[in-house]
Structure formats: structure tokens, C-alpha cells
N, C-alpha and C. Protein backbone atom coordinates (compact mmCIF):
# COMPACT_ATOMS: atom_id res chain seq x y z
N MET A 1 -65.62 -80.52 -75.36
CA MET A 1 -64.54 -80.86 -74.46
C MET A 1 -64.07 -79.59 -73.76
N ARG A 2 -63.86 -79.66 -72.47
CA ARG A 2 -63.40 -78.50 -71.72
C ARG A 2 -61.90 -78.29 -71.94
N SER A 3 -61.46 -77.08 -71.70
CA SER A 3 -60.04 -76.76 -71.81
C SER A 3 -59.29 -77.42 -70.67
N PRO A 4 -58.05 -77.83 -70.92
CA PRO A 4 -57.25 -78.37 -69.82
C PRO A 4 -57.08 -77.31 -68.72
N ARG A 5 -57.17 -77.74 -67.47
CA ARG A 5 -57.05 -76.83 -66.33
C ARG A 5 -55.66 -76.97 -65.71
N VAL A 6 -55.02 -75.82 -65.51
CA VAL A 6 -53.71 -75.77 -64.86
C VAL A 6 -53.86 -74.96 -63.59
N PHE A 7 -53.40 -75.52 -62.49
CA PHE A 7 -53.41 -74.83 -61.20
C PHE A 7 -52.03 -74.22 -60.99
N ILE A 8 -51.99 -72.93 -60.67
CA ILE A 8 -50.74 -72.21 -60.48
C ILE A 8 -50.62 -71.82 -59.00
N ALA A 9 -49.54 -72.24 -58.36
CA ALA A 9 -49.25 -71.86 -56.98
C ALA A 9 -48.03 -70.96 -57.00
N GLU A 10 -48.27 -69.66 -56.84
CA GLU A 10 -47.21 -68.65 -56.98
C GLU A 10 -47.54 -67.45 -56.11
N ASP A 11 -46.58 -66.98 -55.30
CA ASP A 11 -46.84 -65.85 -54.42
C ASP A 11 -46.42 -64.51 -55.01
N ASP A 12 -45.67 -64.50 -56.09
CA ASP A 12 -45.26 -63.25 -56.75
C ASP A 12 -46.35 -62.86 -57.76
N ASP A 13 -47.02 -61.75 -57.51
CA ASP A 13 -48.14 -61.34 -58.36
C ASP A 13 -47.74 -61.15 -59.82
N GLY A 14 -46.56 -60.61 -60.07
CA GLY A 14 -46.11 -60.39 -61.44
C GLY A 14 -45.92 -61.70 -62.19
N VAL A 15 -45.27 -62.65 -61.55
CA VAL A 15 -45.07 -63.97 -62.16
C VAL A 15 -46.40 -64.68 -62.34
N LEU A 16 -47.25 -64.62 -61.32
CA LEU A 16 -48.57 -65.25 -61.39
C LEU A 16 -49.36 -64.70 -62.58
N ASP A 17 -49.41 -63.38 -62.71
CA ASP A 17 -50.17 -62.78 -63.81
C ASP A 17 -49.59 -63.17 -65.17
N LEU A 18 -48.27 -63.16 -65.29
CA LEU A 18 -47.64 -63.53 -66.55
C LEU A 18 -47.98 -64.97 -66.93
N VAL A 19 -47.82 -65.90 -66.01
CA VAL A 19 -48.09 -67.31 -66.28
C VAL A 19 -49.57 -67.52 -66.58
N ARG A 20 -50.43 -66.94 -65.76
CA ARG A 20 -51.87 -67.12 -65.94
C ARG A 20 -52.34 -66.61 -67.30
N VAL A 21 -51.94 -65.39 -67.66
CA VAL A 21 -52.37 -64.80 -68.93
C VAL A 21 -51.82 -65.60 -70.10
N ARG A 22 -50.56 -65.99 -70.03
CA ARG A 22 -49.96 -66.74 -71.14
C ARG A 22 -50.67 -68.08 -71.33
N LEU A 23 -50.97 -68.76 -70.24
CA LEU A 23 -51.68 -70.04 -70.34
C LEU A 23 -53.09 -69.86 -70.90
N GLU A 24 -53.78 -68.84 -70.43
CA GLU A 24 -55.15 -68.61 -70.92
C GLU A 24 -55.16 -68.24 -72.39
N LEU A 25 -54.19 -67.46 -72.84
CA LEU A 25 -54.09 -67.13 -74.26
C LEU A 25 -53.81 -68.38 -75.10
N ALA A 26 -53.18 -69.36 -74.50
CA ALA A 26 -52.88 -70.61 -75.20
C ALA A 26 -54.03 -71.61 -75.11
N GLY A 27 -55.13 -71.24 -74.46
CA GLY A 27 -56.31 -72.10 -74.44
C GLY A 27 -56.53 -72.91 -73.17
N TYR A 28 -55.75 -72.65 -72.14
CA TYR A 28 -55.92 -73.36 -70.88
C TYR A 28 -56.87 -72.60 -69.96
N SER A 29 -57.53 -73.32 -69.08
CA SER A 29 -58.24 -72.71 -67.95
C SER A 29 -57.26 -72.71 -66.79
N THR A 30 -57.31 -71.67 -65.97
CA THR A 30 -56.39 -71.61 -64.85
C THR A 30 -57.12 -71.31 -63.55
N SER A 31 -56.51 -71.72 -62.49
CA SER A 31 -56.88 -71.30 -61.15
C SER A 31 -55.57 -71.17 -60.39
N PHE A 32 -55.61 -70.49 -59.25
CA PHE A 32 -54.34 -70.20 -58.59
C PHE A 32 -54.51 -70.03 -57.10
N ALA A 33 -53.37 -70.07 -56.43
CA ALA A 33 -53.28 -69.76 -55.00
C ALA A 33 -51.95 -69.06 -54.78
N ARG A 34 -51.93 -68.21 -53.76
CA ARG A 34 -50.72 -67.44 -53.46
C ARG A 34 -49.97 -67.97 -52.24
N ASP A 35 -50.46 -69.03 -51.62
CA ASP A 35 -49.73 -69.63 -50.49
C ASP A 35 -49.91 -71.14 -50.53
N GLY A 36 -49.07 -71.84 -49.79
CA GLY A 36 -49.06 -73.29 -49.84
C GLY A 36 -50.30 -73.96 -49.27
N VAL A 37 -50.90 -73.38 -48.26
CA VAL A 37 -52.11 -73.97 -47.68
C VAL A 37 -53.26 -73.90 -48.69
N ALA A 38 -53.46 -72.73 -49.27
CA ALA A 38 -54.52 -72.57 -50.27
C ALA A 38 -54.22 -73.41 -51.51
N ALA A 39 -52.95 -73.53 -51.87
CA ALA A 39 -52.57 -74.34 -53.04
C ALA A 39 -52.93 -75.81 -52.83
N ALA A 40 -52.54 -76.37 -51.71
CA ALA A 40 -52.84 -77.78 -51.44
C ALA A 40 -54.34 -78.01 -51.45
N SER A 41 -55.09 -77.15 -50.80
CA SER A 41 -56.54 -77.28 -50.76
C SER A 41 -57.15 -77.17 -52.16
N GLY A 42 -56.72 -76.17 -52.91
CA GLY A 42 -57.25 -75.97 -54.26
C GLY A 42 -56.95 -77.12 -55.19
N ILE A 43 -55.72 -77.61 -55.15
CA ILE A 43 -55.33 -78.73 -56.01
C ILE A 43 -56.13 -79.98 -55.67
N LEU A 44 -56.26 -80.28 -54.39
CA LEU A 44 -56.99 -81.48 -53.99
C LEU A 44 -58.49 -81.36 -54.26
N ASN A 45 -59.04 -80.16 -54.24
CA ASN A 45 -60.45 -79.96 -54.55
C ASN A 45 -60.72 -80.00 -56.06
N GLU A 46 -59.84 -79.37 -56.84
CA GLU A 46 -60.07 -79.24 -58.28
C GLU A 46 -59.56 -80.42 -59.10
N LEU A 47 -58.51 -81.06 -58.63
CA LEU A 47 -57.86 -82.14 -59.40
C LEU A 47 -57.58 -81.67 -60.83
N PRO A 48 -56.71 -80.65 -60.98
CA PRO A 48 -56.44 -80.09 -62.30
C PRO A 48 -55.65 -81.07 -63.18
N ASP A 49 -55.48 -80.69 -64.43
CA ASP A 49 -54.74 -81.52 -65.38
C ASP A 49 -53.23 -81.38 -65.21
N ALA A 50 -52.78 -80.28 -64.63
CA ALA A 50 -51.37 -80.06 -64.34
C ALA A 50 -51.26 -78.96 -63.28
N VAL A 51 -50.10 -78.93 -62.61
CA VAL A 51 -49.85 -77.94 -61.56
C VAL A 51 -48.51 -77.27 -61.84
N ILE A 52 -48.48 -75.96 -61.68
CA ILE A 52 -47.24 -75.19 -61.67
C ILE A 52 -47.04 -74.75 -60.23
N LEU A 53 -45.92 -75.15 -59.64
CA LEU A 53 -45.74 -75.00 -58.20
C LEU A 53 -44.41 -74.33 -57.87
N ASP A 54 -44.47 -73.21 -57.17
CA ASP A 54 -43.29 -72.52 -56.68
C ASP A 54 -42.83 -73.20 -55.39
N ILE A 55 -41.54 -73.22 -55.14
CA ILE A 55 -41.04 -73.81 -53.89
C ILE A 55 -41.24 -72.85 -52.73
N GLY A 56 -40.94 -71.57 -52.95
CA GLY A 56 -40.94 -70.59 -51.87
C GLY A 56 -42.28 -69.97 -51.58
N LEU A 57 -43.27 -70.78 -51.31
CA LEU A 57 -44.60 -70.26 -50.98
C LEU A 57 -44.71 -69.96 -49.49
N PRO A 58 -45.49 -68.95 -49.10
CA PRO A 58 -45.73 -68.73 -47.67
C PRO A 58 -46.67 -69.80 -47.10
N LEU A 59 -46.61 -69.97 -45.81
CA LEU A 59 -47.43 -70.87 -45.00
C LEU A 59 -47.08 -72.35 -45.16
N ARG A 60 -46.79 -72.79 -46.35
CA ARG A 60 -46.36 -74.17 -46.60
C ARG A 60 -45.54 -74.14 -47.89
N SER A 61 -44.36 -74.75 -47.85
CA SER A 61 -43.47 -74.70 -49.02
C SER A 61 -44.03 -75.53 -50.17
N GLY A 62 -43.54 -75.25 -51.36
CA GLY A 62 -43.92 -76.06 -52.51
C GLY A 62 -43.55 -77.52 -52.33
N PHE A 63 -42.45 -77.79 -51.65
CA PHE A 63 -42.07 -79.18 -51.37
C PHE A 63 -43.14 -79.86 -50.51
N GLU A 64 -43.64 -79.15 -49.50
CA GLU A 64 -44.68 -79.72 -48.63
C GLU A 64 -45.97 -79.94 -49.40
N VAL A 65 -46.32 -78.99 -50.26
CA VAL A 65 -47.52 -79.14 -51.09
C VAL A 65 -47.37 -80.35 -52.01
N LEU A 66 -46.21 -80.50 -52.61
CA LEU A 66 -45.96 -81.64 -53.49
C LEU A 66 -46.10 -82.96 -52.73
N GLN A 67 -45.56 -83.02 -51.53
CA GLN A 67 -45.71 -84.24 -50.72
C GLN A 67 -47.17 -84.54 -50.42
N GLU A 68 -47.95 -83.51 -50.13
CA GLU A 68 -49.37 -83.71 -49.85
C GLU A 68 -50.12 -84.21 -51.08
N ILE A 69 -49.79 -83.66 -52.24
CA ILE A 69 -50.42 -84.12 -53.48
C ILE A 69 -50.10 -85.59 -53.73
N ARG A 70 -48.84 -85.95 -53.59
CA ARG A 70 -48.41 -87.32 -53.86
C ARG A 70 -48.96 -88.32 -52.84
N ALA A 71 -49.29 -87.85 -51.65
CA ALA A 71 -49.84 -88.74 -50.62
C ALA A 71 -51.34 -88.97 -50.79
N ASN A 72 -52.00 -88.19 -51.63
CA ASN A 72 -53.43 -88.30 -51.83
C ASN A 72 -53.71 -89.16 -53.06
N VAL A 73 -54.42 -90.25 -52.88
CA VAL A 73 -54.65 -91.21 -53.96
C VAL A 73 -55.39 -90.57 -55.15
N ARG A 74 -56.26 -89.60 -54.89
CA ARG A 74 -56.99 -88.96 -55.99
C ARG A 74 -56.13 -88.00 -56.80
N ALA A 75 -55.05 -87.51 -56.19
CA ALA A 75 -54.25 -86.47 -56.84
C ALA A 75 -52.83 -86.92 -57.17
N GLN A 76 -52.47 -88.12 -56.78
CA GLN A 76 -51.07 -88.51 -56.87
C GLN A 76 -50.51 -88.57 -58.29
N ASP A 77 -51.36 -88.68 -59.30
CA ASP A 77 -50.86 -88.74 -60.67
C ASP A 77 -50.98 -87.40 -61.43
N ILE A 78 -51.32 -86.33 -60.73
CA ILE A 78 -51.37 -85.01 -61.38
C ILE A 78 -49.93 -84.57 -61.64
N PRO A 79 -49.60 -84.27 -62.90
CA PRO A 79 -48.24 -83.84 -63.19
C PRO A 79 -47.93 -82.46 -62.62
N VAL A 80 -46.72 -82.31 -62.09
CA VAL A 80 -46.30 -81.08 -61.44
C VAL A 80 -45.03 -80.55 -62.08
N LEU A 81 -45.06 -79.28 -62.42
CA LEU A 81 -43.88 -78.54 -62.88
C LEU A 81 -43.50 -77.57 -61.77
N MET A 82 -42.30 -77.70 -61.25
CA MET A 82 -41.80 -76.75 -60.27
C MET A 82 -41.28 -75.55 -61.05
N LEU A 83 -41.77 -74.36 -60.74
CA LEU A 83 -41.34 -73.11 -61.35
C LEU A 83 -40.84 -72.22 -60.22
N THR A 84 -39.54 -72.06 -60.12
CA THR A 84 -38.97 -71.45 -58.93
C THR A 84 -37.68 -70.70 -59.22
N ALA A 85 -37.35 -69.77 -58.33
CA ALA A 85 -36.10 -69.03 -58.44
C ALA A 85 -34.92 -69.83 -57.90
N ARG A 86 -35.21 -70.95 -57.27
CA ARG A 86 -34.13 -71.76 -56.68
C ARG A 86 -33.47 -72.61 -57.76
N HIS A 87 -32.16 -72.39 -57.91
CA HIS A 87 -31.40 -73.01 -58.99
C HIS A 87 -30.49 -74.15 -58.53
N GLU A 88 -30.39 -74.39 -57.25
CA GLU A 88 -29.44 -75.37 -56.73
C GLU A 88 -29.83 -76.78 -57.18
N SER A 89 -28.83 -77.57 -57.52
CA SER A 89 -29.11 -78.94 -57.97
C SER A 89 -29.78 -79.76 -56.87
N SER A 90 -29.50 -79.44 -55.61
CA SER A 90 -30.14 -80.17 -54.52
C SER A 90 -31.66 -79.92 -54.52
N ASP A 91 -32.08 -78.72 -54.89
CA ASP A 91 -33.52 -78.42 -54.97
C ASP A 91 -34.16 -79.18 -56.12
N VAL A 92 -33.47 -79.23 -57.26
CA VAL A 92 -33.98 -79.99 -58.41
C VAL A 92 -34.12 -81.46 -58.03
N GLN A 93 -33.09 -82.01 -57.44
CA GLN A 93 -33.12 -83.42 -57.04
C GLN A 93 -34.23 -83.70 -56.04
N LYS A 94 -34.39 -82.80 -55.06
CA LYS A 94 -35.45 -82.99 -54.06
C LYS A 94 -36.82 -82.96 -54.71
N ALA A 95 -37.05 -81.98 -55.60
CA ALA A 95 -38.36 -81.87 -56.28
C ALA A 95 -38.66 -83.13 -57.08
N LEU A 96 -37.69 -83.60 -57.83
CA LEU A 96 -37.91 -84.80 -58.64
C LEU A 96 -38.09 -86.04 -57.76
N SER A 97 -37.35 -86.12 -56.66
CA SER A 97 -37.49 -87.29 -55.78
C SER A 97 -38.84 -87.29 -55.07
N LEU A 98 -39.44 -86.11 -54.88
CA LEU A 98 -40.77 -86.02 -54.24
C LEU A 98 -41.90 -86.24 -55.24
N GLY A 99 -41.55 -86.32 -56.54
CA GLY A 99 -42.58 -86.65 -57.52
C GLY A 99 -42.89 -85.59 -58.55
N ALA A 100 -42.14 -84.49 -58.60
CA ALA A 100 -42.35 -83.51 -59.67
C ALA A 100 -41.89 -84.12 -60.99
N GLN A 101 -42.59 -83.81 -62.06
CA GLN A 101 -42.20 -84.32 -63.37
C GLN A 101 -41.22 -83.40 -64.09
N ASP A 102 -41.20 -82.12 -63.72
CA ASP A 102 -40.34 -81.17 -64.42
C ASP A 102 -39.97 -80.04 -63.47
N TYR A 103 -38.94 -79.30 -63.85
CA TYR A 103 -38.41 -78.22 -63.02
C TYR A 103 -37.93 -77.13 -63.96
N LEU A 104 -38.40 -75.91 -63.75
CA LEU A 104 -38.01 -74.79 -64.59
C LEU A 104 -37.64 -73.64 -63.66
N ALA A 105 -36.43 -73.10 -63.86
CA ALA A 105 -35.94 -72.02 -63.00
C ALA A 105 -36.36 -70.66 -63.55
N LYS A 106 -36.63 -69.75 -62.65
CA LYS A 106 -36.91 -68.36 -63.00
C LYS A 106 -35.57 -67.63 -63.15
N PRO A 107 -35.44 -66.68 -64.02
CA PRO A 107 -36.43 -66.28 -65.01
C PRO A 107 -36.57 -67.37 -66.07
N PHE A 108 -37.72 -67.43 -66.71
CA PHE A 108 -38.03 -68.51 -67.64
C PHE A 108 -38.54 -67.95 -68.95
N ASP A 109 -38.45 -68.76 -69.97
CA ASP A 109 -38.98 -68.43 -71.29
C ASP A 109 -40.42 -68.93 -71.33
N ASP A 110 -41.37 -68.05 -71.63
CA ASP A 110 -42.78 -68.46 -71.58
C ASP A 110 -43.12 -69.50 -72.64
N LYS A 111 -42.42 -69.51 -73.76
CA LYS A 111 -42.67 -70.54 -74.77
C LYS A 111 -42.22 -71.91 -74.27
N LYS A 112 -41.11 -71.94 -73.56
CA LYS A 112 -40.63 -73.19 -72.97
C LYS A 112 -41.63 -73.68 -71.92
N LEU A 113 -42.17 -72.75 -71.15
CA LEU A 113 -43.17 -73.11 -70.15
C LEU A 113 -44.39 -73.76 -70.81
N LEU A 114 -44.87 -73.17 -71.91
CA LEU A 114 -46.04 -73.72 -72.61
C LEU A 114 -45.77 -75.11 -73.17
N VAL A 115 -44.60 -75.32 -73.72
CA VAL A 115 -44.25 -76.64 -74.25
C VAL A 115 -44.24 -77.67 -73.12
N ARG A 116 -43.66 -77.31 -72.01
CA ARG A 116 -43.58 -78.26 -70.89
C ARG A 116 -44.96 -78.55 -70.28
N ILE A 117 -45.78 -77.52 -70.15
CA ILE A 117 -47.14 -77.75 -69.63
C ILE A 117 -47.94 -78.60 -70.61
N GLY A 118 -47.80 -78.34 -71.90
CA GLY A 118 -48.49 -79.16 -72.89
C GLY A 118 -48.11 -80.63 -72.78
N ARG A 119 -46.83 -80.88 -72.55
CA ARG A 119 -46.35 -82.26 -72.37
C ARG A 119 -46.96 -82.90 -71.12
N LEU A 120 -47.04 -82.13 -70.04
CA LEU A 120 -47.61 -82.67 -68.80
C LEU A 120 -49.10 -82.96 -68.93
N VAL A 121 -49.83 -82.07 -69.60
CA VAL A 121 -51.27 -82.30 -69.80
C VAL A 121 -51.48 -83.54 -70.67
N GLN A 122 -50.68 -83.70 -71.69
CA GLN A 122 -50.79 -84.90 -72.53
C GLN A 122 -50.43 -86.15 -71.74
N MET A 123 -49.47 -86.04 -70.83
CA MET A 123 -49.10 -87.17 -69.98
C MET A 123 -50.30 -87.61 -69.14
N ARG A 124 -50.98 -86.65 -68.58
CA ARG A 124 -52.16 -86.96 -67.75
C ARG A 124 -53.28 -87.55 -68.60
N ALA A 125 -53.46 -87.04 -69.82
CA ALA A 125 -54.49 -87.57 -70.72
C ALA A 125 -54.20 -89.02 -71.07
N ARG A 126 -52.93 -89.36 -71.23
CA ARG A 126 -52.57 -90.75 -71.54
C ARG A 126 -52.92 -91.69 -70.40
N LEU A 127 -53.02 -91.15 -69.19
CA LEU A 127 -53.41 -91.96 -68.04
C LEU A 127 -54.93 -92.14 -67.95
N GLY A 128 -55.63 -91.58 -68.94
CA GLY A 128 -57.08 -91.77 -68.99
C GLY A 128 -57.88 -90.61 -68.46
N HIS A 129 -57.24 -89.50 -68.15
CA HIS A 129 -57.95 -88.33 -67.66
C HIS A 129 -58.24 -87.40 -68.83
N GLN A 130 -59.42 -86.83 -68.84
CA GLN A 130 -59.80 -85.89 -69.89
C GLN A 130 -59.74 -84.49 -69.32
N PRO A 131 -59.58 -83.48 -70.08
CA PRO A 131 -59.63 -83.46 -71.53
C PRO A 131 -58.27 -83.71 -72.12
N THR A 132 -58.26 -83.98 -73.39
CA THR A 132 -57.01 -84.00 -74.12
C THR A 132 -57.11 -82.98 -75.24
N GLN A 133 -56.21 -82.11 -75.27
CA GLN A 133 -56.18 -81.07 -76.29
C GLN A 133 -54.83 -81.20 -76.96
N THR A 134 -54.81 -81.47 -78.26
CA THR A 134 -53.56 -81.81 -78.91
C THR A 134 -52.84 -80.62 -79.51
N THR A 135 -53.49 -79.49 -79.66
CA THR A 135 -52.82 -78.35 -80.23
C THR A 135 -52.81 -77.22 -79.23
N TYR A 136 -51.66 -76.59 -79.07
CA TYR A 136 -51.49 -75.48 -78.16
C TYR A 136 -50.84 -74.36 -78.92
N GLN A 137 -51.30 -73.14 -78.67
CA GLN A 137 -50.67 -71.99 -79.30
C GLN A 137 -49.42 -71.65 -78.52
N VAL A 138 -48.33 -71.49 -79.23
CA VAL A 138 -47.07 -71.13 -78.57
C VAL A 138 -46.67 -69.74 -78.95
């Protein structure tokens, strides 16, 4: 069975490296993009098990990427965690109304991130998508 794949859309290199390394150490495969156009393309091509999506991406916002994912029948059930510096309740409400399953504000606890991603990957597995990996290192 292959490792669950998480797509990370993040333009801050430090945050991207931290998230990517932490996920890989926990047994996930990762891929990433640093802007919204590349993120939408990568997500729709790869159809990952979960997505971590920043709102403030260049070229296309995370909100726009989320709308594109939800409009695509092949990708509409991919769980999305918004990971962003934006703390306003209106941003949280907008993300959830557009179809994000979770929202985590920066700065974040990496253990909390792993728990939430594990939950999203399991959610996708329950919909019949493989792989399912039941143990994650935290």
C-alpha cells in the first residue's frame, strides 16, 4: 500500500519546508506548489488524499483554488485543510462555506496539524479512496 499523499500549497518557504518535512517523517508522501495556479493544476492532476492550502497564495488565492477543486467532479471530495495567517472569523466562515473541512491558523502546532491531516486522510479513505493508513507518528 502506498503512503497517503498530501498536497501542500504554501508560498512561504520556511512554512512549506516545516510542513513537508514533518509530514514525511510521519509517513506521508508530499507534493507542493508555491502559487495558486500551480496548486490548482497539481491538485487536479495528482488527486491527493488531502490538501493543505494557504489563503494568501500568489497568482490565485487559496479561496479560488478551493472553488476550482470543489467544481471538479474528480477532485470535489478531496479533504482540504486551510493553513493560513488569516485569523478573522469571516475568513474561517468563507473557507468552510467553500468546502474546506478544517482551518488552522498560523502559527500552528505541528502535532495538531498531523492529527488533523490524519483525520482528513481517514475521511477520504472512508469514501472508498485508497490508501488507508491507520497509524501516524505524532
